[in-house]
Amino acid sequence: MKSAVSFCEALPAFTLLVYLFLSEAPAVWLLFFGALALHEWGHIVAFRLVRRETPILCLSGVGTRLSSPLPLLPWEEAVTALAGPLVNILFALLALRFGQGGFFLLFAVTHLIFAVGNLLPFGASDGERLLSLLLHRLFPRRAFLLLSLISTLSLALFFYFSLFLYYLTGNGLSGVVFALFFLFSSSEEKTRKNS
């Protein structure tokens, strides 16, 4: 029964991946999944560095996430959240420094986009986790309200920026689809948490 629930929870992410797979070039997908794998590897290494049990990789409605059997201390949460984007940035810089040609440039750009995208504070991203830690530290009573407001504004800006890029270039509808996907997925997750 548990695996059926996990599959149903992951269905929105699978649907998004199928759409993007059909709309984008295969090379972009190979780079995307490579960036995803290295990103999650960075989180796993951070879990080991803070001497925590290796987390379980789960598919959820908003993509992949690592599930720790025990709650993390705030500093451990910050270290593990930062590790994924930092690994992507590191590999992008290595590709720019030591690689030559269009492939290495595309590799670096993919990793940078992946890192920046994960640091945006919406959709249960690493950025939202970090912002939540900061807001709970600075404004404990208003943290949830501020986090909801900032997440909604960030998602709206991401959506309009993606729409603007699509209007200018005629390409990149994926960003618009991602924004809508995160909008619906994060609202479903918040509804589930509140019930």
N, C-alpha and C. Protein backbone atom coordinates (compact mmCIF):
# COMPACT_ATOMS: atom_id res chain seq x y z
N MET A 1 0.83 -1.20 0.00
CA MET A 1 0.00 0.00 0.00
C MET A 1 0.87 1.26 0.00
N LYS A 2 1.98 1.23 0.75
CA LYS A 2 2.83 2.41 0.84
C LYS A 2 3.43 2.79 -0.51
N SER A 3 3.83 1.79 -1.31
CA SER A 3 4.42 2.10 -2.61
C SER A 3 3.39 2.74 -3.54
N ALA A 4 2.12 2.34 -3.46
CA ALA A 4 1.08 2.94 -4.29
C ALA A 4 0.89 4.41 -3.91
N VAL A 5 0.93 4.72 -2.62
CA VAL A 5 0.80 6.11 -2.18
C VAL A 5 1.98 6.92 -2.68
N SER A 6 3.19 6.35 -2.58
CA SER A 6 4.37 7.06 -3.04
C SER A 6 4.28 7.34 -4.53
N PHE A 7 3.78 6.37 -5.31
CA PHE A 7 3.65 6.58 -6.75
C PHE A 7 2.64 7.68 -7.04
N CYS A 8 1.52 7.68 -6.33
CA CYS A 8 0.50 8.72 -6.54
C CYS A 8 1.03 10.09 -6.18
N GLU A 9 1.84 10.16 -5.11
CA GLU A 9 2.42 11.44 -4.72
C GLU A 9 3.43 11.91 -5.76
N ALA A 10 4.10 10.97 -6.43
CA ALA A 10 5.11 11.33 -7.42
C ALA A 10 4.53 11.56 -8.80
N LEU A 11 3.26 11.26 -9.01
CA LEU A 11 2.64 11.38 -10.32
C LEU A 11 2.76 12.77 -10.95
N PRO A 12 2.55 13.87 -10.21
CA PRO A 12 2.74 15.19 -10.84
C PRO A 12 4.16 15.39 -11.36
N ALA A 13 5.17 14.94 -10.62
CA ALA A 13 6.55 15.08 -11.08
C ALA A 13 6.79 14.25 -12.33
N PHE A 14 6.27 13.03 -12.37
CA PHE A 14 6.42 12.19 -13.56
C PHE A 14 5.73 12.83 -14.76
N THR A 15 4.56 13.41 -14.56
CA THR A 15 3.84 14.06 -15.65
C THR A 15 4.65 15.22 -16.21
N LEU A 16 5.24 16.02 -15.32
CA LEU A 16 6.07 17.13 -15.75
C LEU A 16 7.27 16.63 -16.53
N LEU A 17 7.92 15.58 -16.04
CA LEU A 17 9.09 15.05 -16.73
C LEU A 17 8.74 14.53 -18.11
N VAL A 18 7.60 13.86 -18.25
CA VAL A 18 7.17 13.38 -19.57
C VAL A 18 6.96 14.55 -20.52
N TYR A 19 6.27 15.59 -20.04
CA TYR A 19 6.05 16.78 -20.88
C TYR A 19 7.38 17.38 -21.32
N LEU A 20 8.29 17.60 -20.38
CA LEU A 20 9.56 18.23 -20.71
C LEU A 20 10.41 17.34 -21.61
N PHE A 21 10.34 16.02 -21.40
CA PHE A 21 11.10 15.10 -22.23
C PHE A 21 10.63 15.19 -23.68
N LEU A 22 9.34 15.34 -23.88
CA LEU A 22 8.80 15.42 -25.24
C LEU A 22 9.05 16.78 -25.88
N SER A 23 9.27 17.82 -25.06
CA SER A 23 9.40 19.17 -25.62
C SER A 23 10.84 19.67 -25.73
N GLU A 24 11.78 19.02 -25.10
CA GLU A 24 13.17 19.48 -25.12
C GLU A 24 14.08 18.47 -25.80
N ALA A 25 15.27 18.91 -26.19
CA ALA A 25 16.24 18.05 -26.86
C ALA A 25 16.80 17.00 -25.89
N PRO A 26 17.08 15.77 -26.38
CA PRO A 26 17.62 14.72 -25.50
C PRO A 26 18.91 15.11 -24.80
N ALA A 27 19.78 15.88 -25.47
CA ALA A 27 21.04 16.29 -24.83
C ALA A 27 20.78 17.14 -23.60
N VAL A 28 19.76 18.00 -23.68
CA VAL A 28 19.41 18.84 -22.53
C VAL A 28 18.97 17.95 -21.38
N TRP A 29 18.24 16.88 -21.68
CA TRP A 29 17.78 15.98 -20.63
C TRP A 29 18.91 15.22 -19.97
N LEU A 30 19.88 14.80 -20.76
CA LEU A 30 21.04 14.12 -20.17
C LEU A 30 21.77 15.06 -19.22
N LEU A 31 21.94 16.30 -19.64
CA LEU A 31 22.60 17.28 -18.77
C LEU A 31 21.77 17.57 -17.53
N PHE A 32 20.45 17.67 -17.70
CA PHE A 32 19.55 17.94 -16.58
C PHE A 32 19.64 16.82 -15.53
N PHE A 33 19.56 15.56 -15.99
CA PHE A 33 19.61 14.45 -15.03
C PHE A 33 21.00 14.31 -14.40
N GLY A 34 22.03 14.67 -15.16
CA GLY A 34 23.38 14.69 -14.57
C GLY A 34 23.49 15.73 -13.47
N ALA A 35 22.93 16.91 -13.73
CA ALA A 35 22.94 17.98 -12.71
C ALA A 35 22.13 17.56 -11.49
N LEU A 36 20.99 16.91 -11.72
CA LEU A 36 20.16 16.42 -10.62
C LEU A 36 20.90 15.40 -9.77
N ALA A 37 21.56 14.44 -10.44
CA ALA A 37 22.30 13.39 -9.71
C ALA A 37 23.43 13.99 -8.87
N LEU A 38 24.20 14.91 -9.45
CA LEU A 38 25.30 15.53 -8.69
C LEU A 38 24.76 16.40 -7.56
N HIS A 39 23.63 17.06 -7.79
CA HIS A 39 23.00 17.88 -6.75
C HIS A 39 22.61 17.02 -5.54
N GLU A 40 21.93 15.91 -5.80
CA GLU A 40 21.51 15.03 -4.71
C GLU A 40 22.72 14.38 -4.04
N TRP A 41 23.76 14.07 -4.82
CA TRP A 41 24.99 13.52 -4.26
C TRP A 41 25.60 14.52 -3.27
N GLY A 42 25.55 15.82 -3.60
CA GLY A 42 26.06 16.85 -2.69
C GLY A 42 25.32 16.84 -1.37
N HIS A 43 23.99 16.68 -1.42
CA HIS A 43 23.21 16.60 -0.18
C HIS A 43 23.62 15.36 0.64
N ILE A 44 23.78 14.23 -0.04
CA ILE A 44 24.14 12.98 0.67
C ILE A 44 25.50 13.11 1.33
N VAL A 45 26.47 13.70 0.63
CA VAL A 45 27.80 13.92 1.22
C VAL A 45 27.69 14.81 2.46
N ALA A 46 26.85 15.85 2.38
CA ALA A 46 26.67 16.74 3.54
C ALA A 46 26.06 15.99 4.72
N PHE A 47 25.11 15.11 4.46
CA PHE A 47 24.55 14.29 5.55
C PHE A 47 25.64 13.48 6.22
N ARG A 48 26.53 12.93 5.42
CA ARG A 48 27.63 12.13 5.99
C ARG A 48 28.61 13.02 6.77
N LEU A 49 28.87 14.23 6.27
CA LEU A 49 29.80 15.14 6.95
C LEU A 49 29.27 15.60 8.30
N VAL A 50 27.96 15.75 8.44
CA VAL A 50 27.40 16.15 9.74
C VAL A 50 27.08 14.92 10.59
N ARG A 51 27.59 13.78 10.14
CA ARG A 51 27.48 12.50 10.86
C ARG A 51 26.05 12.06 11.09
N ARG A 52 25.26 12.21 10.05
CA ARG A 52 23.87 11.73 10.09
C ARG A 52 23.75 10.52 9.18
N GLU A 53 22.71 9.74 9.45
CA GLU A 53 22.43 8.57 8.63
C GLU A 53 22.16 9.01 7.19
N THR A 54 22.59 8.18 6.23
CA THR A 54 22.33 8.50 4.84
C THR A 54 20.82 8.57 4.61
N PRO A 55 20.33 9.66 4.06
CA PRO A 55 18.88 9.82 3.87
C PRO A 55 18.36 8.95 2.73
N ILE A 56 17.05 8.83 2.68
CA ILE A 56 16.39 8.08 1.62
C ILE A 56 15.96 9.06 0.54
N LEU A 57 16.27 8.74 -0.71
CA LEU A 57 15.86 9.57 -1.84
C LEU A 57 14.43 9.22 -2.19
N CYS A 58 13.55 10.23 -2.18
CA CYS A 58 12.13 10.01 -2.45
C CYS A 58 11.69 10.86 -3.63
N LEU A 59 10.73 10.36 -4.38
CA LEU A 59 10.06 11.16 -5.38
C LEU A 59 8.79 11.69 -4.75
N SER A 60 8.57 13.00 -4.89
CA SER A 60 7.37 13.59 -4.34
C SER A 60 6.68 14.40 -5.43
N GLY A 61 5.58 15.01 -5.10
CA GLY A 61 4.85 15.82 -6.06
C GLY A 61 5.65 17.00 -6.58
N VAL A 62 6.63 17.46 -5.82
CA VAL A 62 7.44 18.60 -6.26
C VAL A 62 8.82 18.18 -6.73
N GLY A 63 9.03 16.91 -7.03
CA GLY A 63 10.32 16.45 -7.55
C GLY A 63 10.97 15.46 -6.62
N THR A 64 12.30 15.53 -6.51
CA THR A 64 13.02 14.63 -5.62
C THR A 64 13.31 15.34 -4.31
N ARG A 65 13.41 14.56 -3.25
CA ARG A 65 13.80 15.11 -1.96
C ARG A 65 14.45 14.01 -1.15
N LEU A 66 15.27 14.40 -0.21
CA LEU A 66 15.91 13.44 0.69
C LEU A 66 15.14 13.44 2.00
N SER A 67 14.84 12.25 2.46
CA SER A 67 14.07 12.11 3.70
C SER A 67 14.98 11.52 4.77
N SER A 68 15.19 12.30 5.82
CA SER A 68 16.04 11.86 6.93
C SER A 68 15.19 11.17 7.99
N PRO A 69 15.66 10.04 8.52
CA PRO A 69 14.88 9.36 9.56
C PRO A 69 14.76 10.16 10.86
N LEU A 70 15.74 11.01 11.13
CA LEU A 70 15.72 11.83 12.35
C LEU A 70 15.72 13.31 11.98
N PRO A 71 15.07 14.16 12.79
CA PRO A 71 15.10 15.60 12.50
C PRO A 71 16.51 16.15 12.62
N LEU A 72 16.81 17.14 11.80
CA LEU A 72 18.13 17.76 11.81
C LEU A 72 18.12 19.00 12.69
N LEU A 73 19.26 19.30 13.28
CA LEU A 73 19.44 20.57 13.99
C LEU A 73 19.47 21.69 12.95
N PRO A 74 19.16 22.92 13.33
CA PRO A 74 19.13 24.01 12.33
C PRO A 74 20.43 24.16 11.53
N TRP A 75 21.58 24.06 12.19
CA TRP A 75 22.84 24.21 11.44
C TRP A 75 23.05 23.04 10.49
N GLU A 76 22.61 21.84 10.87
CA GLU A 76 22.72 20.68 9.98
C GLU A 76 21.79 20.84 8.77
N GLU A 77 20.61 21.37 9.03
CA GLU A 77 19.65 21.64 7.95
C GLU A 77 20.24 22.63 6.96
N ALA A 78 20.89 23.68 7.45
CA ALA A 78 21.49 24.69 6.57
C ALA A 78 22.63 24.09 5.74
N VAL A 79 23.48 23.31 6.38
CA VAL A 79 24.62 22.70 5.67
C VAL A 79 24.12 21.75 4.59
N THR A 80 23.16 20.89 4.93
CA THR A 80 22.67 19.92 3.94
C THR A 80 21.89 20.61 2.82
N ALA A 81 21.19 21.70 3.12
CA ALA A 81 20.44 22.42 2.08
C ALA A 81 21.40 23.13 1.11
N LEU A 82 22.47 23.70 1.63
CA LEU A 82 23.42 24.41 0.78
C LEU A 82 24.29 23.49 -0.06
N ALA A 83 24.49 22.27 0.39
CA ALA A 83 25.43 21.37 -0.26
C ALA A 83 25.08 21.06 -1.72
N GLY A 84 23.80 20.82 -2.02
CA GLY A 84 23.40 20.50 -3.39
C GLY A 84 23.72 21.61 -4.37
N PRO A 85 23.22 22.85 -4.11
CA PRO A 85 23.55 23.95 -5.03
C PRO A 85 25.05 24.24 -5.11
N LEU A 86 25.77 24.09 -4.00
CA LEU A 86 27.22 24.34 -4.04
C LEU A 86 27.94 23.34 -4.93
N VAL A 87 27.50 22.09 -4.92
CA VAL A 87 28.10 21.08 -5.82
C VAL A 87 27.83 21.45 -7.27
N ASN A 88 26.60 21.89 -7.57
CA ASN A 88 26.30 22.31 -8.94
C ASN A 88 27.18 23.49 -9.37
N ILE A 89 27.36 24.46 -8.48
CA ILE A 89 28.21 25.61 -8.80
C ILE A 89 29.66 25.19 -8.99
N LEU A 90 30.14 24.28 -8.15
CA LEU A 90 31.50 23.78 -8.27
C LEU A 90 31.72 23.10 -9.62
N PHE A 91 30.80 22.22 -10.03
CA PHE A 91 30.96 21.53 -11.31
C PHE A 91 30.84 22.51 -12.48
N ALA A 92 30.01 23.53 -12.36
CA ALA A 92 29.92 24.54 -13.41
C ALA A 92 31.24 25.29 -13.56
N LEU A 93 31.84 25.67 -12.43
CA LEU A 93 33.12 26.38 -12.48
C LEU A 93 34.23 25.49 -13.03
N LEU A 94 34.23 24.22 -12.66
CA LEU A 94 35.23 23.29 -13.20
C LEU A 94 35.08 23.13 -14.72
N ALA A 95 33.84 23.05 -15.19
CA ALA A 95 33.61 22.92 -16.63
C ALA A 95 34.07 24.17 -17.38
N LEU A 96 33.82 25.34 -16.79
CA LEU A 96 34.24 26.59 -17.44
C LEU A 96 35.76 26.74 -17.42
N ARG A 97 36.38 26.26 -16.35
CA ARG A 97 37.83 26.41 -16.20
C ARG A 97 38.61 25.43 -17.06
N PHE A 98 38.19 24.16 -17.07
CA PHE A 98 38.99 23.13 -17.71
C PHE A 98 38.41 22.61 -19.03
N GLY A 99 37.14 22.90 -19.30
CA GLY A 99 36.53 22.39 -20.52
C GLY A 99 36.64 23.37 -21.67
N GLN A 100 36.54 22.84 -22.87
CA GLN A 100 36.56 23.67 -24.07
C GLN A 100 35.44 23.22 -24.99
N GLY A 101 34.79 24.16 -25.62
CA GLY A 101 33.75 23.82 -26.58
C GLY A 101 32.36 24.04 -26.04
N GLY A 102 31.40 23.86 -26.94
CA GLY A 102 30.00 24.12 -26.62
C GLY A 102 29.41 23.21 -25.57
N PHE A 103 29.85 21.93 -25.54
CA PHE A 103 29.29 20.99 -24.57
C PHE A 103 29.59 21.46 -23.14
N PHE A 104 30.84 21.86 -22.89
CA PHE A 104 31.22 22.27 -21.54
C PHE A 104 30.51 23.55 -21.12
N LEU A 105 30.28 24.43 -22.09
CA LEU A 105 29.52 25.65 -21.78
C LEU A 105 28.08 25.30 -21.42
N LEU A 106 27.45 24.42 -22.20
CA LEU A 106 26.09 23.98 -21.91
C LEU A 106 26.02 23.25 -20.57
N PHE A 107 27.04 22.42 -20.28
CA PHE A 107 27.15 21.72 -19.00
C PHE A 107 27.18 22.74 -17.85
N ALA A 108 28.03 23.76 -17.98
CA ALA A 108 28.16 24.77 -16.93
C ALA A 108 26.86 25.55 -16.75
N VAL A 109 26.25 25.95 -17.85
CA VAL A 109 25.00 26.72 -17.78
C VAL A 109 23.90 25.88 -17.12
N THR A 110 23.81 24.60 -17.49
CA THR A 110 22.80 23.72 -16.90
C THR A 110 22.99 23.62 -15.39
N HIS A 111 24.22 23.46 -14.94
CA HIS A 111 24.49 23.35 -13.50
C HIS A 111 24.21 24.67 -12.78
N LEU A 112 24.54 25.79 -13.41
CA LEU A 112 24.26 27.09 -12.78
C LEU A 112 22.76 27.33 -12.67
N ILE A 113 22.03 27.01 -13.73
CA ILE A 113 20.58 27.16 -13.69
C ILE A 113 19.98 26.26 -12.61
N PHE A 114 20.50 25.04 -12.51
CA PHE A 114 20.01 24.10 -11.50
C PHE A 114 20.27 24.63 -10.09
N ALA A 115 21.47 25.19 -9.87
CA ALA A 115 21.81 25.73 -8.55
C ALA A 115 20.94 26.93 -8.21
N VAL A 116 20.83 27.88 -9.13
CA VAL A 116 20.03 29.08 -8.88
C VAL A 116 18.56 28.71 -8.70
N GLY A 117 18.06 27.80 -9.54
CA GLY A 117 16.67 27.36 -9.42
C GLY A 117 16.37 26.74 -8.08
N ASN A 118 17.33 25.99 -7.54
CA ASN A 118 17.13 25.37 -6.24
C ASN A 118 17.27 26.35 -5.08
N LEU A 119 17.89 27.49 -5.33
CA LEU A 119 18.02 28.49 -4.27
C LEU A 119 16.85 29.47 -4.26
N LEU A 120 15.98 29.41 -5.28
CA LEU A 120 14.78 30.24 -5.25
C LEU A 120 13.85 29.72 -4.15
N PRO A 121 13.30 30.61 -3.34
CA PRO A 121 12.54 30.14 -2.17
C PRO A 121 11.08 29.79 -2.46
N PHE A 122 10.86 28.73 -3.24
CA PHE A 122 9.49 28.22 -3.44
C PHE A 122 9.54 26.74 -3.80
N GLY A 123 8.40 26.09 -3.63
CA GLY A 123 8.27 24.70 -4.05
C GLY A 123 9.07 23.69 -3.25
N ALA A 124 9.24 23.88 -1.96
CA ALA A 124 10.01 22.98 -1.10
C ALA A 124 11.45 22.84 -1.58
N SER A 125 12.01 23.92 -2.11
CA SER A 125 13.38 23.92 -2.61
C SER A 125 14.37 24.12 -1.46
N ASP A 126 15.65 24.00 -1.81
CA ASP A 126 16.70 24.27 -0.82
C ASP A 126 16.62 25.73 -0.37
N GLY A 127 16.31 26.62 -1.28
CA GLY A 127 16.18 28.03 -0.93
C GLY A 127 15.06 28.28 0.06
N GLU A 128 13.95 27.57 -0.11
CA GLU A 128 12.84 27.72 0.83
C GLU A 128 13.23 27.18 2.21
N ARG A 129 13.97 26.09 2.24
CA ARG A 129 14.43 25.55 3.53
C ARG A 129 15.35 26.54 4.23
N LEU A 130 16.28 27.11 3.47
CA LEU A 130 17.21 28.08 4.07
C LEU A 130 16.50 29.34 4.54
N LEU A 131 15.57 29.83 3.72
CA LEU A 131 14.81 31.02 4.11
C LEU A 131 13.95 30.74 5.35
N SER A 132 13.38 29.56 5.42
CA SER A 132 12.57 29.18 6.58
C SER A 132 13.42 29.19 7.85
N LEU A 133 14.62 28.64 7.77
CA LEU A 133 15.52 28.64 8.93
C LEU A 133 15.84 30.07 9.37
N LEU A 134 16.14 30.93 8.39
CA LEU A 134 16.49 32.31 8.69
C LEU A 134 15.31 33.06 9.30
N LEU A 135 14.12 32.90 8.71
CA LEU A 135 12.95 33.62 9.22
C LEU A 135 12.54 33.12 10.60
N HIS A 136 12.65 31.82 10.84
CA HIS A 136 12.32 31.30 12.18
C HIS A 136 13.31 31.81 13.23
N ARG A 137 14.52 32.07 12.80
CA ARG A 137 15.53 32.60 13.72
C ARG A 137 15.29 34.08 14.01
N LEU A 138 14.96 34.86 12.95
CA LEU A 138 14.81 36.30 13.09
C LEU A 138 13.41 36.74 13.54
N PHE A 139 12.39 36.08 13.01
CA PHE A 139 11.00 36.46 13.29
C PHE A 139 10.18 35.22 13.65
N PRO A 140 10.41 34.64 14.82
CA PRO A 140 9.76 33.36 15.15
C PRO A 140 8.24 33.40 15.07
N ARG A 141 7.62 34.51 15.42
CA ARG A 141 6.15 34.55 15.43
C ARG A 141 5.55 34.76 14.04
N ARG A 142 6.27 35.42 13.18
CA ARG A 142 5.75 35.76 11.84
C ARG A 142 6.42 34.95 10.73
N ALA A 143 7.24 33.96 11.09
CA ALA A 143 8.02 33.23 10.09
C ALA A 143 7.16 32.56 9.04
N PHE A 144 6.09 31.87 9.46
CA PHE A 144 5.26 31.15 8.50
C PHE A 144 4.60 32.10 7.51
N LEU A 145 4.08 33.22 8.02
CA LEU A 145 3.43 34.21 7.16
C LEU A 145 4.42 34.82 6.18
N LEU A 146 5.60 35.22 6.68
CA LEU A 146 6.62 35.80 5.82
C LEU A 146 7.10 34.81 4.76
N LEU A 147 7.29 33.55 5.16
CA LEU A 147 7.73 32.53 4.23
C LEU A 147 6.70 32.31 3.12
N SER A 148 5.43 32.28 3.49
CA SER A 148 4.37 32.12 2.49
C SER A 148 4.35 33.29 1.52
N LEU A 149 4.49 34.49 2.05
CA LEU A 149 4.48 35.69 1.22
C LEU A 149 5.67 35.71 0.26
N ILE A 150 6.87 35.48 0.78
CA ILE A 150 8.08 35.51 -0.05
C ILE A 150 8.05 34.38 -1.08
N SER A 151 7.59 33.20 -0.68
CA SER A 151 7.50 32.08 -1.63
C SER A 151 6.54 32.39 -2.77
N THR A 152 5.40 32.97 -2.44
CA THR A 152 4.41 33.31 -3.46
C THR A 152 4.94 34.37 -4.41
N LEU A 153 5.59 35.40 -3.86
CA LEU A 153 6.17 36.44 -4.71
C LEU A 153 7.29 35.90 -5.59
N SER A 154 8.13 35.03 -5.06
CA SER A 154 9.22 34.43 -5.84
C SER A 154 8.66 33.59 -6.98
N LEU A 155 7.64 32.81 -6.69
CA LEU A 155 7.04 31.98 -7.71
C LEU A 155 6.39 32.84 -8.80
N ALA A 156 5.73 33.92 -8.40
CA ALA A 156 5.12 34.82 -9.38
C ALA A 156 6.18 35.47 -10.26
N LEU A 157 7.27 35.92 -9.66
CA LEU A 157 8.36 36.51 -10.45
C LEU A 157 8.97 35.50 -11.41
N PHE A 158 9.18 34.27 -10.94
CA PHE A 158 9.72 33.21 -11.80
C PHE A 158 8.78 32.95 -12.98
N PHE A 159 7.47 32.90 -12.71
CA PHE A 159 6.48 32.64 -13.75
C PHE A 159 6.51 33.76 -14.80
N TYR A 160 6.45 35.02 -14.35
CA TYR A 160 6.41 36.14 -15.29
C TYR A 160 7.73 36.29 -16.04
N PHE A 161 8.84 36.02 -15.39
CA PHE A 161 10.14 36.06 -16.07
C PHE A 161 10.20 34.98 -17.15
N SER A 162 9.74 33.77 -16.84
CA SER A 162 9.72 32.68 -17.81
C SER A 162 8.80 33.00 -18.97
N LEU A 163 7.65 33.57 -18.67
CA LEU A 163 6.70 33.96 -19.71
C LEU A 163 7.29 35.05 -20.61
N PHE A 164 7.98 36.00 -19.99
CA PHE A 164 8.63 37.08 -20.74
C PHE A 164 9.71 36.52 -21.67
N LEU A 165 10.53 35.58 -21.16
CA LEU A 165 11.56 34.96 -22.00
C LEU A 165 10.94 34.19 -23.16
N TYR A 166 9.85 33.50 -22.88
CA TYR A 166 9.17 32.76 -23.94
C TYR A 166 8.62 33.73 -24.99
N TYR A 167 8.08 34.85 -24.55
CA TYR A 167 7.56 35.86 -25.47
C TYR A 167 8.68 36.43 -26.34
N LEU A 168 9.86 36.70 -25.73
CA LEU A 168 10.97 37.28 -26.47
C LEU A 168 11.61 36.31 -27.46
N THR A 169 11.79 35.07 -27.02
CA THR A 169 12.58 34.12 -27.82
C THR A 169 11.74 33.09 -28.55
N GLY A 170 10.52 32.81 -28.06
CA GLY A 170 9.72 31.74 -28.66
C GLY A 170 10.13 30.37 -28.15
N ASN A 171 11.13 30.31 -27.29
CA ASN A 171 11.60 29.05 -26.72
C ASN A 171 11.50 29.12 -25.20
N GLY A 172 11.67 27.97 -24.58
CA GLY A 172 11.73 27.95 -23.12
C GLY A 172 10.39 27.95 -22.43
N LEU A 173 9.41 27.35 -23.07
CA LEU A 173 8.10 27.23 -22.42
C LEU A 173 8.19 26.37 -21.16
N SER A 174 9.28 25.61 -21.04
CA SER A 174 9.47 24.76 -19.86
C SER A 174 9.44 25.55 -18.57
N GLY A 175 10.02 26.76 -18.56
CA GLY A 175 10.01 27.58 -17.35
C GLY A 175 8.60 27.95 -16.92
N VAL A 176 7.74 28.26 -17.87
CA VAL A 176 6.35 28.58 -17.57
C VAL A 176 5.65 27.36 -17.00
N VAL A 177 5.89 26.20 -17.63
CA VAL A 177 5.28 24.95 -17.15
C VAL A 177 5.79 24.61 -15.75
N PHE A 178 7.10 24.77 -15.52
CA PHE A 178 7.66 24.53 -14.19
C PHE A 178 7.00 25.42 -13.15
N ALA A 179 6.82 26.70 -13.46
CA ALA A 179 6.21 27.64 -12.51
C ALA A 179 4.79 27.22 -12.17
N LEU A 180 4.01 26.87 -13.19
CA LEU A 180 2.63 26.41 -12.94
C LEU A 180 2.63 25.12 -12.14
N PHE A 181 3.54 24.22 -12.47
CA PHE A 181 3.67 22.95 -11.76
C PHE A 181 3.95 23.19 -10.28
N PHE A 182 4.93 24.07 -9.98
CA PHE A 182 5.26 24.35 -8.59
C PHE A 182 4.13 25.06 -7.87
N LEU A 183 3.42 25.91 -8.58
CA LEU A 183 2.28 26.60 -7.98
C LEU A 183 1.24 25.59 -7.49
N PHE A 184 0.86 24.67 -8.35
CA PHE A 184 -0.15 23.68 -7.96
C PHE A 184 0.39 22.67 -6.96
N SER A 185 1.63 22.24 -7.14
CA SER A 185 2.21 21.24 -6.23
C SER A 185 2.40 21.80 -4.84
N SER A 186 2.90 23.05 -4.73
CA SER A 186 3.13 23.62 -3.40
C SER A 186 1.82 23.91 -2.70
N SER A 187 0.78 24.31 -3.45
CA SER A 187 -0.51 24.56 -2.80
C SER A 187 -1.13 23.25 -2.32
N GLU A 188 -0.93 22.15 -3.09
CA GLU A 188 -1.42 20.85 -2.64
C GLU A 188 -0.69 20.39 -1.38
N GLU A 189 0.65 20.60 -1.36
CA GLU A 189 1.44 20.18 -0.21
C GLU A 189 1.06 20.96 1.03
N LYS A 190 0.81 22.27 0.89
CA LYS A 190 0.40 23.09 2.05
C LYS A 190 -0.98 22.66 2.54
N THR A 191 -1.87 22.32 1.60
CA THR A 191 -3.21 21.84 2.00
C THR A 191 -3.09 20.54 2.77
N ARG A 192 -2.20 19.64 2.30
CA ARG A 192 -2.01 18.36 2.96
C ARG A 192 -1.42 18.55 4.36
N LYS A 193 -0.46 19.49 4.50
CA LYS A 193 0.15 19.73 5.81
C LYS A 193 -0.84 20.33 6.80
N ASN A 194 -1.74 21.19 6.32
CA ASN A 194 -2.70 21.85 7.20
C ASN A 194 -3.85 20.94 7.61
N SER A 195 -4.09 19.85 6.85
CA SER A 195 -5.21 18.97 7.20
C SER A 195 -4.79 17.85 8.14
